Every structure is written in structure tokens, then in C-alpha cells.
N, C-alpha and C. Protein backbone atom coordinates (compact mmCIF):
# COMPACT_ATOMS: atom_id res chain seq x y z
N MET A 1 25.05 26.86 -38.11
CA MET A 1 24.45 26.53 -36.93
C MET A 1 23.70 24.98 -37.02
N THR A 2 24.02 24.21 -35.74
CA THR A 2 23.47 23.30 -36.08
C THR A 2 22.36 24.00 -34.51
N PRO A 3 20.85 23.30 -35.38
CA PRO A 3 19.53 23.46 -34.45
C PRO A 3 19.45 22.52 -33.44
N VAL A 4 19.23 23.07 -31.73
CA VAL A 4 19.15 22.44 -30.42
C VAL A 4 17.94 21.11 -30.84
N SER A 5 18.14 20.20 -30.52
CA SER A 5 16.69 19.58 -30.06
C SER A 5 16.11 19.68 -28.73
N THR A 6 14.70 20.09 -28.94
CA THR A 6 14.12 20.06 -27.93
C THR A 6 13.08 19.22 -27.72
N ALA A 7 13.69 17.57 -28.21
CA ALA A 7 12.65 16.39 -28.03
C ALA A 7 12.51 16.26 -26.41
N PHE A 8 11.54 15.82 -26.29
CA PHE A 8 10.94 15.30 -24.80
C PHE A 8 10.86 13.47 -25.25
N SER A 9 11.74 12.92 -24.83
CA SER A 9 11.73 11.42 -25.34
C SER A 9 11.10 10.80 -24.07
N SER A 10 10.51 9.15 -24.23
CA SER A 10 9.73 8.63 -23.73
C SER A 10 10.63 8.29 -22.73
N ALA A 11 11.60 8.44 -22.75
CA ALA A 11 12.54 8.01 -21.52
C ALA A 11 12.14 9.54 -19.97
N ASP A 12 12.24 10.81 -20.73
CA ASP A 12 12.69 11.84 -20.34
C ASP A 12 10.34 11.93 -19.40
N SER A 13 10.24 11.61 -20.39
CA SER A 13 8.78 11.64 -19.62
C SER A 13 8.26 10.10 -18.68
N ALA A 14 8.76 9.58 -18.62
CA ALA A 14 8.98 8.29 -17.61
C ALA A 14 9.19 9.34 -16.24
N VAL A 15 10.52 9.84 -16.39
CA VAL A 15 11.62 10.26 -15.64
C VAL A 15 10.70 11.21 -15.02
N TYR A 16 9.88 12.70 -15.63
CA TYR A 16 9.26 13.74 -15.18
C TYR A 16 7.66 12.69 -14.37
N VAL A 17 7.21 11.57 -14.23
CA VAL A 17 6.18 11.08 -14.17
C VAL A 17 6.39 10.23 -12.81
N ASP A 18 8.21 9.49 -12.88
CA ASP A 18 8.31 8.71 -11.75
C ASP A 18 8.48 10.01 -11.02
N GLY A 19 9.05 11.36 -11.38
CA GLY A 19 9.63 12.22 -10.28
C GLY A 19 8.12 13.24 -9.89
N LEU A 20 7.05 12.93 -10.56
CA LEU A 20 5.36 13.48 -9.55
C LEU A 20 5.17 12.17 -8.68
N MET A 21 5.21 11.24 -9.04
CA MET A 21 4.59 10.21 -7.93
C MET A 21 5.66 10.37 -7.45
N ALA A 22 6.84 10.93 -7.14
CA ALA A 22 7.73 10.34 -5.59
C ALA A 22 7.43 11.73 -4.93
N VAL A 23 6.94 12.70 -5.89
CA VAL A 23 6.53 14.21 -4.81
C VAL A 23 4.92 12.98 -3.81
N ILE A 24 4.13 13.27 -4.83
CA ILE A 24 2.91 12.55 -4.07
C ILE A 24 3.21 11.36 -2.98
N ALA A 25 4.16 10.39 -3.23
CA ALA A 25 4.42 9.76 -1.78
C ALA A 25 5.29 10.07 -0.85
N ALA A 26 5.52 11.30 -0.95
CA ALA A 26 6.45 12.11 -0.39
C ALA A 26 5.93 12.15 1.16
N PRO A 27 6.45 11.94 2.34
CA PRO A 27 5.99 11.74 4.02
C PRO A 27 5.37 13.85 4.04
N ASP A 28 6.90 14.70 3.75
CA ASP A 28 6.07 15.88 4.29
C ASP A 28 6.92 16.72 3.40
N ALA A 29 5.92 17.98 3.60
CA ALA A 29 6.62 19.49 2.94
C ALA A 29 8.30 19.79 2.14
N PRO A 30 8.81 19.20 2.97
CA PRO A 30 10.38 19.58 2.83
C PRO A 30 10.69 18.87 1.90
N THR A 31 10.40 17.03 2.30
CA THR A 31 10.57 15.87 1.03
C THR A 31 10.01 16.56 -0.58
N LYS A 32 8.75 16.70 -0.39
CA LYS A 32 7.83 17.28 -1.37
C LYS A 32 8.26 18.36 -1.95
N ASP A 33 8.88 19.35 -1.54
CA ASP A 33 9.92 20.86 -2.15
C ASP A 33 10.90 20.28 -3.23
N ARG A 34 11.60 19.72 -2.12
CA ARG A 34 13.22 19.04 -2.81
C ARG A 34 12.98 18.14 -3.89
N LEU A 35 12.05 17.48 -3.83
CA LEU A 35 12.00 16.84 -5.09
C LEU A 35 10.94 17.84 -6.34
N LEU A 36 10.31 18.17 -6.03
CA LEU A 36 9.77 19.38 -7.03
C LEU A 36 10.80 19.78 -7.78
N ALA A 37 11.62 20.60 -7.10
CA ALA A 37 12.66 21.60 -7.30
C ALA A 37 13.79 20.63 -8.21
N GLY A 38 13.43 19.47 -8.39
CA GLY A 38 14.59 18.66 -8.80
C GLY A 38 13.70 18.19 -10.49
N LEU A 39 12.41 18.91 -10.93
CA LEU A 39 11.59 18.25 -12.09
C LEU A 39 11.87 19.16 -12.98
N THR A 40 11.68 19.36 -14.02
CA THR A 40 11.97 19.97 -15.40
C THR A 40 10.62 19.68 -15.96
N PRO A 41 9.69 20.86 -16.66
CA PRO A 41 8.28 20.37 -17.19
C PRO A 41 8.46 20.00 -18.58
N PRO A 42 8.04 19.46 -18.68
CA PRO A 42 8.24 18.44 -20.26
C PRO A 42 8.26 19.83 -21.62
N ILE A 43 7.84 19.73 -22.51
CA ILE A 43 7.81 20.25 -23.68
C ILE A 43 6.34 20.17 -24.10
N ASP A 44 5.75 21.12 -24.63
CA ASP A 44 4.42 21.21 -24.98
C ASP A 44 4.17 19.60 -26.60
N GLY A 45 3.03 19.63 -25.30
CA GLY A 45 2.59 18.20 -26.33
C GLY A 45 3.13 16.48 -25.58
N ALA A 46 4.24 16.50 -24.73
CA ALA A 46 4.76 15.32 -24.58
C ALA A 46 3.86 14.48 -23.53
N THR A 47 3.67 13.50 -24.14
CA THR A 47 2.82 12.26 -23.81
C THR A 47 3.75 11.23 -22.59
N TRP A 48 2.33 10.06 -22.00
CA TRP A 48 2.99 9.29 -21.58
C TRP A 48 1.62 8.41 -20.99
N VAL A 49 1.92 7.48 -20.15
CA VAL A 49 0.92 6.72 -20.11
C VAL A 49 0.87 6.89 -18.75
N MET A 50 -0.59 7.26 -18.36
CA MET A 50 -1.01 7.72 -17.21
C MET A 50 -0.47 6.66 -15.96
N PRO A 51 0.20 6.80 -15.16
CA PRO A 51 0.27 5.91 -13.83
C PRO A 51 -0.82 5.66 -12.89
N GLU A 52 -0.81 4.26 -12.35
CA GLU A 52 -1.52 3.76 -10.69
C GLU A 52 -1.76 5.06 -9.92
N LEU A 53 -2.71 5.86 -9.44
CA LEU A 53 -2.70 6.37 -8.72
C LEU A 53 -2.40 5.82 -7.06
N PRO A 54 -2.17 6.40 -5.91
CA PRO A 54 -2.29 5.73 -4.78
C PRO A 54 -3.62 6.06 -4.19
N ALA A 55 -4.28 5.53 -3.34
CA ALA A 55 -5.68 5.30 -2.52
C ALA A 55 -5.29 6.19 -1.68
N ARG A 56 -3.64 6.86 -1.23
CA ARG A 56 -3.34 7.79 -0.33
C ARG A 56 -2.19 8.30 -0.53
N PRO A 57 -2.22 9.43 -0.50
CA PRO A 57 -0.83 10.39 -0.90
C PRO A 57 -0.01 10.01 0.50
N GLY A 58 1.61 10.15 0.13
CA GLY A 58 2.59 9.99 1.34
C GLY A 58 1.94 10.99 2.38
N ARG A 59 2.46 10.29 3.71
CA ARG A 59 2.50 11.62 4.86
C ARG A 59 3.32 10.59 6.17
N ASP A 60 3.74 11.77 7.04
CA ASP A 60 4.74 11.57 8.05
C ASP A 60 3.83 10.88 9.08
N PRO A 61 4.12 9.47 9.49
CA PRO A 61 3.18 8.88 10.14
C PRO A 61 2.90 8.87 11.26
N ALA A 62 3.20 10.38 12.07
CA ALA A 62 2.60 10.88 12.80
C ALA A 62 1.41 11.84 13.00
N LEU A 63 1.29 11.65 11.02
CA LEU A 63 0.03 12.51 10.98
C LEU A 63 -1.17 11.26 10.95
N ARG A 64 -2.04 10.97 11.37
CA ARG A 64 -3.17 9.88 11.75
C ARG A 64 -4.90 10.53 11.09
N GLU A 65 -4.58 8.95 10.15
CA GLU A 65 -6.21 9.50 9.89
C GLU A 65 -7.42 9.40 10.53
N GLY A 66 -8.27 10.20 10.37
CA GLY A 66 -9.59 10.14 11.00
C GLY A 66 -10.41 11.43 10.84
N GLU A 67 -11.71 11.83 11.09
CA GLU A 67 -12.26 12.78 11.30
C GLU A 67 -12.00 13.68 12.39
N ALA A 68 -11.29 14.59 12.48
CA ALA A 68 -10.98 15.51 13.85
C ALA A 68 -12.49 16.21 14.00
N PRO A 69 -12.68 16.15 15.54
CA PRO A 69 -13.96 16.76 15.87
C PRO A 69 -14.27 17.82 15.45
N ARG A 70 -15.74 18.54 15.27
CA ARG A 70 -15.87 19.95 14.92
C ARG A 70 -15.49 20.77 15.88
N ARG A 71 -15.41 21.71 15.49
CA ARG A 71 -15.07 22.92 16.37
C ARG A 71 -16.24 22.93 17.26
N ARG A 72 -16.11 23.52 18.44
CA ARG A 72 -17.51 24.15 19.16
C ARG A 72 -17.22 25.91 19.57
N ARG A 73 -15.94 25.91 19.54
CA ARG A 73 -15.60 27.86 20.05
C ARG A 73 -15.17 27.46 19.16
N GLY A 74 -14.99 29.73 19.56
CA GLY A 74 -14.58 30.75 18.79
C GLY A 74 -12.97 30.19 18.22
N LEU A 75 -12.50 31.21 17.28
CA LEU A 75 -10.85 31.42 17.29
C LEU A 75 -10.16 32.02 18.33
N ASP A 76 -11.07 32.34 19.05
CA ASP A 76 -10.66 33.15 20.40
C ASP A 76 -10.10 32.14 21.45
N HIS A 77 -10.94 31.00 21.37
CA HIS A 77 -10.03 29.96 21.94
C HIS A 77 -8.93 29.34 21.17
N ARG A 78 -7.80 29.20 22.23
CA ARG A 78 -6.41 28.81 21.55
C ARG A 78 -6.35 27.34 20.99
N GLN A 79 -7.40 26.12 21.96
CA GLN A 79 -7.15 25.39 21.29
C GLN A 79 -7.96 24.93 19.95
N THR A 80 -9.03 25.69 19.62
CA THR A 80 -9.63 25.77 18.43
C THR A 80 -8.63 26.57 17.33
N ARG A 81 -8.36 27.58 17.79
CA ARG A 81 -7.58 28.61 16.99
C ARG A 81 -6.10 27.02 16.42
N LEU A 82 -5.50 26.63 17.32
CA LEU A 82 -4.36 25.83 16.83
C LEU A 82 -4.83 24.51 16.18
N ARG A 83 -6.31 24.06 16.46
CA ARG A 83 -6.90 22.63 15.43
C ARG A 83 -7.37 23.15 14.03
N PHE A 84 -7.63 24.96 14.15
CA PHE A 84 -7.85 25.15 12.83
C PHE A 84 -6.77 24.98 12.19
N LEU A 85 -5.61 26.04 12.49
CA LEU A 85 -4.01 25.74 11.77
C LEU A 85 -3.95 24.59 11.52
N HIS A 86 -4.23 23.82 12.36
CA HIS A 86 -3.84 22.24 12.38
C HIS A 86 -4.45 21.33 10.78
N ALA A 87 -5.88 21.77 10.47
CA ALA A 87 -6.48 21.78 9.06
C ALA A 87 -6.05 22.78 7.73
N ILE A 88 -5.58 23.69 8.12
CA ILE A 88 -4.90 24.88 7.26
C ILE A 88 -3.65 24.25 6.63
N PHE A 89 -2.73 23.43 7.31
CA PHE A 89 -1.24 22.99 7.03
C PHE A 89 -1.74 21.84 6.61
N HIS A 90 -3.06 20.78 6.98
CA HIS A 90 -3.30 20.02 6.23
C HIS A 90 -3.46 19.83 4.30
N ILE A 91 -4.12 21.10 4.72
CA ILE A 91 -5.16 21.30 3.26
C ILE A 91 -4.13 21.75 2.33
N GLU A 92 -2.70 22.65 3.04
CA GLU A 92 -1.96 23.35 1.92
C GLU A 92 -1.15 21.82 1.68
N LEU A 93 -0.70 20.59 2.74
CA LEU A 93 0.04 19.58 2.20
C LEU A 93 -0.64 18.94 1.32
N SER A 94 -1.97 18.47 1.23
CA SER A 94 -2.75 18.31 0.06
C SER A 94 -2.55 19.27 -0.82
N ALA A 95 -2.63 20.23 -0.81
CA ALA A 95 -2.52 21.28 -2.20
C ALA A 95 -1.17 20.45 -3.19
N ILE A 96 -0.03 20.21 -2.68
CA ILE A 96 1.01 19.78 -2.84
C ILE A 96 0.70 18.39 -3.96
N ASP A 97 0.32 17.77 -3.36
CA ASP A 97 0.09 16.21 -3.93
C ASP A 97 -1.01 16.37 -4.96
N LEU A 98 -2.13 17.78 -4.99
CA LEU A 98 -3.09 18.01 -5.52
C LEU A 98 -2.29 18.70 -7.05
N ALA A 99 -1.73 19.07 -7.06
CA ALA A 99 -0.69 19.93 -7.89
C ALA A 99 -0.40 19.16 -9.18
N ALA A 100 0.64 18.42 -8.19
CA ALA A 100 1.34 16.88 -8.32
C ALA A 100 0.28 16.32 -9.57
N LEU A 101 -0.58 15.78 -8.44
CA LEU A 101 -1.51 15.19 -9.65
C LEU A 101 -2.22 15.82 -11.03
N LEU A 102 -1.97 17.07 -10.73
CA LEU A 102 -2.44 17.59 -11.97
C LEU A 102 -2.02 17.40 -13.05
N CYS A 103 -0.47 17.86 -12.86
CA CYS A 103 0.59 17.63 -13.60
C CYS A 103 0.61 15.71 -14.18
N VAL A 104 0.38 15.22 -13.33
CA VAL A 104 0.65 13.41 -14.03
C VAL A 104 -0.46 13.48 -14.75
N ARG A 105 -1.26 13.91 -14.61
CA ARG A 105 -2.91 13.89 -15.79
C ARG A 105 -2.70 15.05 -17.20
N ALA A 106 -1.99 15.73 -16.97
CA ALA A 106 -2.05 17.19 -17.72
C ALA A 106 -0.79 16.11 -19.44
N ALA A 107 -1.13 14.85 -19.35
CA ALA A 107 -0.37 14.27 -20.68
C ALA A 107 -0.58 14.96 -22.12
N GLY A 108 0.30 15.54 -22.72
CA GLY A 108 0.06 16.57 -24.42
C GLY A 108 -0.59 17.78 -23.75
N ALA A 109 -0.38 18.48 -22.48
CA ALA A 109 -0.49 19.69 -22.19
C ALA A 109 0.48 20.53 -22.50
N PRO A 110 0.07 21.96 -22.56
CA PRO A 110 1.27 22.50 -22.86
C PRO A 110 2.39 22.75 -22.11
N ALA A 111 3.64 23.20 -22.21
CA ALA A 111 4.75 23.09 -21.33
C ALA A 111 4.68 24.08 -20.21
N ALA A 112 3.67 25.10 -20.57
CA ALA A 112 3.37 26.16 -19.34
C ALA A 112 2.24 25.65 -18.65
N LEU A 113 1.17 25.06 -18.86
CA LEU A 113 1.05 24.48 -17.74
C LEU A 113 1.53 23.70 -16.46
N HIS A 114 2.41 23.17 -16.99
CA HIS A 114 3.28 22.19 -16.11
C HIS A 114 4.38 22.79 -15.35
N ALA A 115 4.62 23.88 -15.68
CA ALA A 115 5.33 25.19 -15.06
C ALA A 115 4.72 25.79 -14.32
N ASP A 116 3.28 26.13 -14.84
CA ASP A 116 2.54 26.85 -13.32
C ASP A 116 2.30 26.16 -12.17
N PHE A 117 2.20 24.93 -12.49
CA PHE A 117 1.44 23.96 -11.83
C PHE A 117 2.70 23.14 -10.36
N LEU A 118 3.97 23.31 -10.93
CA LEU A 118 4.79 22.86 -10.35
C LEU A 118 5.44 24.15 -9.24
N ARG A 119 4.81 25.24 -9.89
CA ARG A 119 5.60 26.56 -9.19
C ARG A 119 4.62 26.54 -8.11
N ILE A 120 3.15 26.49 -8.74
CA ILE A 120 2.37 26.20 -7.43
C ILE A 120 2.24 25.17 -6.28
N ALA A 121 2.78 23.70 -6.69
CA ALA A 121 3.40 22.88 -6.08
C ALA A 121 4.25 23.50 -5.01
N ARG A 122 5.11 24.29 -5.41
CA ARG A 122 6.36 24.66 -4.50
C ARG A 122 5.99 25.86 -3.28
N GLU A 123 5.00 26.31 -4.16
CA GLU A 123 4.47 27.62 -3.22
C GLU A 123 3.42 26.85 -2.36
N GLU A 124 2.73 26.00 -2.07
CA GLU A 124 1.95 24.82 -1.30
C GLU A 124 2.96 24.65 -0.25
N ALA A 125 4.22 23.64 -0.58
CA ALA A 125 5.38 23.30 0.48
C ALA A 125 5.88 24.47 0.99
N ALA A 126 5.87 25.77 0.83
CA ALA A 126 6.37 27.06 1.51
C ALA A 126 5.25 27.31 2.70
N HIS A 127 4.29 27.29 1.86
CA HIS A 127 2.96 27.76 3.04
C HIS A 127 2.60 26.56 3.97
N ALA A 128 2.85 25.25 3.86
CA ALA A 128 2.74 24.18 4.83
C ALA A 128 3.82 24.20 5.77
N GLN A 129 4.92 24.87 5.43
CA GLN A 129 6.23 24.66 6.25
C GLN A 129 6.00 26.12 7.26
N LEU A 130 5.45 26.72 6.74
CA LEU A 130 5.17 28.22 7.54
C LEU A 130 4.26 27.66 8.45
N VAL A 131 3.30 26.72 8.28
CA VAL A 131 1.89 26.50 9.29
C VAL A 131 2.54 25.41 10.06
N SER A 132 3.53 24.66 9.45
CA SER A 132 4.24 23.33 10.28
C SER A 132 4.52 24.01 11.43
N ASP A 133 5.41 24.99 10.69
CA ASP A 133 6.86 25.90 12.23
C ASP A 133 6.14 26.74 12.92
N LEU A 134 4.76 27.11 12.66
CA LEU A 134 3.88 28.46 13.62
C LEU A 134 3.65 26.87 14.68
N LEU A 135 3.20 25.45 13.95
CA LEU A 135 2.17 24.99 15.15
C LEU A 135 3.28 24.47 15.92
N ILE A 136 5.16 24.18 15.79
CA ILE A 136 5.68 23.20 16.49
C ILE A 136 6.12 24.29 17.01
N ALA A 137 5.68 26.00 17.17
CA ALA A 137 6.01 26.69 18.23
C ALA A 137 5.32 26.56 19.29
N GLU A 138 3.43 26.49 18.79
CA GLU A 138 2.62 26.87 19.74
C GLU A 138 2.50 25.15 20.46
N GLY A 139 3.93 24.45 20.35
CA GLY A 139 3.55 23.24 20.69
C GLY A 139 2.31 22.13 20.79
N PHE A 140 1.60 22.55 19.27
CA PHE A 140 0.78 21.57 18.77
C PHE A 140 1.11 21.01 17.04
N PRO A 141 2.37 20.42 17.23
CA PRO A 141 2.80 19.91 16.07
C PRO A 141 1.77 19.12 15.24
N PRO A 142 2.04 19.79 13.74
CA PRO A 142 1.55 18.27 12.87
C PRO A 142 1.49 17.25 13.52
N GLY A 143 0.19 16.38 13.37
CA GLY A 143 -0.33 14.86 14.37
C GLY A 143 -1.23 15.34 15.21
N SER A 144 -0.78 16.31 16.02
CA SER A 144 -1.99 17.11 16.91
C SER A 144 -3.16 16.14 17.02
N GLU A 145 -3.65 16.32 15.83
CA GLU A 145 -5.00 16.40 15.38
C GLU A 145 -5.15 15.56 14.44
N LEU A 146 -6.21 14.70 13.95
CA LEU A 146 -6.67 13.92 13.15
C LEU A 146 -6.97 14.79 11.45
N VAL A 147 -6.34 13.97 10.77
CA VAL A 147 -6.17 14.43 9.10
C VAL A 147 -7.03 13.27 8.06
N HIS A 148 -7.89 14.29 7.31
CA HIS A 148 -8.56 13.52 6.53
C HIS A 148 -8.33 13.47 5.18
N HIS A 149 -8.38 12.76 3.95
CA HIS A 149 -7.62 13.08 2.68
C HIS A 149 -9.47 12.84 1.49
N LYS A 150 -10.28 13.91 2.17
CA LYS A 150 -11.61 14.45 1.14
C LYS A 150 -10.80 14.83 0.04
N LEU A 151 -9.77 15.56 0.24
CA LEU A 151 -9.23 16.49 -0.89
C LEU A 151 -8.37 15.40 -2.13
N TRP A 152 -7.86 14.71 -1.55
CA TRP A 152 -6.70 13.66 -2.74
C TRP A 152 -8.18 12.79 -3.18
N GLU A 153 -9.35 12.38 -1.91
CA GLU A 153 -10.44 11.05 -2.80
C GLU A 153 -11.43 11.92 -3.63
N SER A 154 -11.57 13.23 -3.47
CA SER A 154 -12.61 13.97 -4.38
C SER A 154 -11.68 14.44 -5.72
N ALA A 155 -10.48 14.20 -5.92
CA ALA A 155 -9.16 14.15 -7.36
C ALA A 155 -9.30 12.70 -7.91
N LEU A 156 -9.45 11.97 -6.95
CA LEU A 156 -9.44 10.56 -7.79
C LEU A 156 -10.70 10.40 -8.38
N ALA A 157 -11.55 10.84 -7.44
CA ALA A 157 -12.88 10.39 -8.43
C ALA A 157 -12.77 11.78 -9.50
N ALA A 158 -12.39 12.60 -9.97
CA ALA A 158 -12.41 12.86 -11.11
C ALA A 158 -11.99 11.73 -11.98
N ALA A 159 -12.74 11.98 -13.52
CA ALA A 159 -12.43 11.20 -14.44
C ALA A 159 -10.95 11.59 -15.05
N ASP A 160 -10.74 12.65 -15.00
CA ASP A 160 -9.54 13.62 -16.05
C ASP A 160 -9.27 14.79 -15.30
N LEU A 161 -8.19 15.43 -16.09
CA LEU A 161 -7.42 16.43 -16.00
C LEU A 161 -9.19 17.53 -15.84
N GLY A 162 -9.99 18.02 -16.86
CA GLY A 162 -10.97 18.82 -16.55
C GLY A 162 -11.83 18.45 -15.59
N GLU A 163 -12.16 17.28 -15.31
CA GLU A 163 -12.86 17.16 -13.71
C GLU A 163 -12.18 17.56 -12.39
N GLN A 164 -10.59 17.30 -12.69
CA GLN A 164 -9.96 17.65 -11.61
C GLN A 164 -9.87 19.22 -11.35
N LEU A 165 -9.79 19.40 -12.54
CA LEU A 165 -9.81 21.26 -12.94
C LEU A 165 -11.07 21.58 -12.53
N VAL A 166 -12.04 20.92 -12.49
CA VAL A 166 -13.48 21.67 -12.48
C VAL A 166 -13.88 21.54 -10.64
N VAL A 167 -13.67 20.22 -10.39
CA VAL A 167 -13.61 19.85 -8.98
C VAL A 167 -12.77 20.86 -7.82
N ILE A 168 -11.82 20.67 -8.08
CA ILE A 168 -10.51 21.26 -6.68
C ILE A 168 -10.58 22.36 -7.23
N PRO A 169 -9.91 23.13 -7.97
CA PRO A 169 -9.91 24.56 -7.86
C PRO A 169 -10.98 25.25 -7.62
N ARG A 170 -11.72 24.90 -8.91
CA ARG A 170 -13.00 25.61 -8.93
C ARG A 170 -13.89 26.04 -8.52
N PHE A 171 -14.28 24.96 -7.62
CA PHE A 171 -15.27 24.62 -6.41
C PHE A 171 -15.26 24.00 -4.96
N LEU A 172 -14.36 23.60 -4.72
CA LEU A 172 -13.11 23.06 -3.32
C LEU A 172 -12.73 24.36 -2.99
N GLU A 173 -11.45 24.70 -3.73
CA GLU A 173 -10.97 25.67 -3.67
C GLU A 173 -11.52 27.12 -3.29
N ALA A 174 -12.21 27.49 -3.74
CA ALA A 174 -13.41 28.41 -4.51
C ALA A 174 -13.89 28.38 -3.24
N ARG A 175 -14.48 27.49 -2.83
CA ARG A 175 -15.65 27.43 -1.18
C ARG A 175 -14.52 27.77 0.01
N GLY A 176 -13.27 27.12 -0.04
CA GLY A 176 -12.05 27.45 0.96
C GLY A 176 -11.79 28.84 0.88
N LEU A 177 -11.75 29.29 -0.17
CA LEU A 177 -11.08 31.35 -0.14
C LEU A 177 -12.55 31.64 0.52
N ASP A 178 -13.53 31.48 0.11
CA ASP A 178 -15.02 32.34 0.80
C ASP A 178 -14.88 32.45 2.08
N VAL A 179 -14.46 31.21 2.43
CA VAL A 179 -14.72 31.07 4.41
C VAL A 179 -13.45 31.56 4.63
N SER A 180 -12.39 31.33 4.27
CA SER A 180 -11.04 32.29 4.47
C SER A 180 -11.29 33.84 4.27
N ALA A 181 -12.10 34.09 3.91
CA ALA A 181 -11.67 35.66 3.34
C ALA A 181 -12.85 36.06 4.75
N GLU A 182 -14.08 35.45 5.46
CA GLU A 182 -14.11 36.26 6.66
C GLU A 182 -13.27 35.42 7.72
N LEU A 183 -12.57 34.62 7.89
CA LEU A 183 -12.08 34.00 8.91
C LEU A 183 -10.80 34.76 9.34
N LEU A 184 -10.08 35.53 7.95
CA LEU A 184 -8.54 35.36 8.07
C LEU A 184 -8.86 37.16 8.98
N PRO A 185 -9.78 38.16 8.63
CA PRO A 185 -9.94 38.75 9.47
C PRO A 185 -9.99 38.82 11.04
N ARG A 186 -10.77 38.34 11.66
CA ARG A 186 -10.69 37.75 12.91
C ARG A 186 -10.06 37.25 13.06
N LEU A 187 -9.44 35.52 12.39
CA LEU A 187 -8.10 35.86 13.36
C LEU A 187 -7.24 36.38 13.15
N GLU A 188 -6.89 37.49 12.51
CA GLU A 188 -5.82 38.49 12.68
C GLU A 188 -6.12 39.70 13.54
N GLN A 189 -7.11 39.58 14.41
CA GLN A 189 -7.12 40.31 15.10
C GLN A 189 -7.14 39.99 16.77
N ILE A 190 -7.38 38.62 16.73
CA ILE A 190 -7.30 37.53 17.83
C ILE A 190 -5.61 37.12 17.88
N ASP A 191 -5.43 37.04 16.72
CA ASP A 191 -3.57 35.92 16.71
C ASP A 191 -2.98 36.66 15.56
N GLN A 192 -2.18 37.76 15.73
CA GLN A 192 -1.53 38.09 14.55
C GLN A 192 -0.88 37.09 14.48
N ARG A 193 0.37 36.54 14.75
CA ARG A 193 1.26 35.79 14.69
C ARG A 193 0.76 34.73 13.55
N SER A 194 -1.02 34.19 13.57
CA SER A 194 -1.63 33.58 13.08
C SER A 194 -1.83 33.97 11.87
């Protein structure tokens, strides 16, 4: 019986990294998800040259960059609630890019890390689409509010994979989970669908 080769060539590495960069450049969650579905994690220890990273991830032209005004009213105010959900939509969209970036930075890492973060990116794409669908149904589609790229900028400021893991999941996402734990029960009482 001839052994099956598990080699992951430099050409395979280039295809994988190009695929991840295409995910980051894609304009919306469905396109990002479709591209992610076509990616296969590399074998353990596969390496590649770190590509140049874009200053901004791809976004639909309807999403305009800037600082959204701060909320002045509670979530019981419809417009404030929609603006909050718009921010959640953009966080979920950014999470796709951050998971792809983590994989780009993970040259030499175990295949399981890549598989986990590709799965996470696809889950984030599903979340972004759910929130997008809700916003559209409410007449407040993505692009109704300004978005910022602070999460992406924070990831770019990280020097390597280790720093990105500390800054994004261990600090920024953890803070978001703390806030969500307080806000979600209030939101559920006000608007079950949201």
C-alpha cells in the first residue's frame, strides 16, 4: 500500500494565504462566507511569507467610515436600539476579518488552530448576516450609520499572532462580552426579536 502524501507545498500555502486575503478584501458577509467555505486548513507547521496587510478590510460601499454619535437614550428607544444593532453588525463583520487575519499570521501553527479559526470566521459571517437581515427588516439597513475600523486597527498594531490573541480575544472581545451580559437581558425584555 502506497502512503498518501500529506505535504502542503509552497503553492498550497500561497493559495491558502491568497484565499484568506480575499476573505479580508471581500465586501460583505455572504461573500466572505463563500470564500471561507472554499479554504482548507494547512497541515501542521506549514509556513509562508507574511503578506502586506491592507489598511482597511473590504466593505460594501454603503458602509461609510466615521465615528457614529454616542447613544443618548436607552435601548427602549427604537432608533437607539437600531444604532446599537448596527454596531453589533459591524463588530460581527469585523470578527470575520480578524479570524482570517489570525490565520494569516499563524504560519507554522497546528492545523487545528487554522480549522478552529476558519470555523469561527464562518460563524461570525452567519451572525453578521442574521443582524443584517434584522436591520433590513426594520428599515435600517447596514450603511444607515457610520462605522469605524478600530478593531482592525488594533489587530494591525499587534506585532504578531501572540499580541493579536492578547489584544483582540483576551481584551477587546472580553470587554464586549462583559457589556453584552448586561445589555442582552434588557434588550430581550424590550424587543424579543432583536
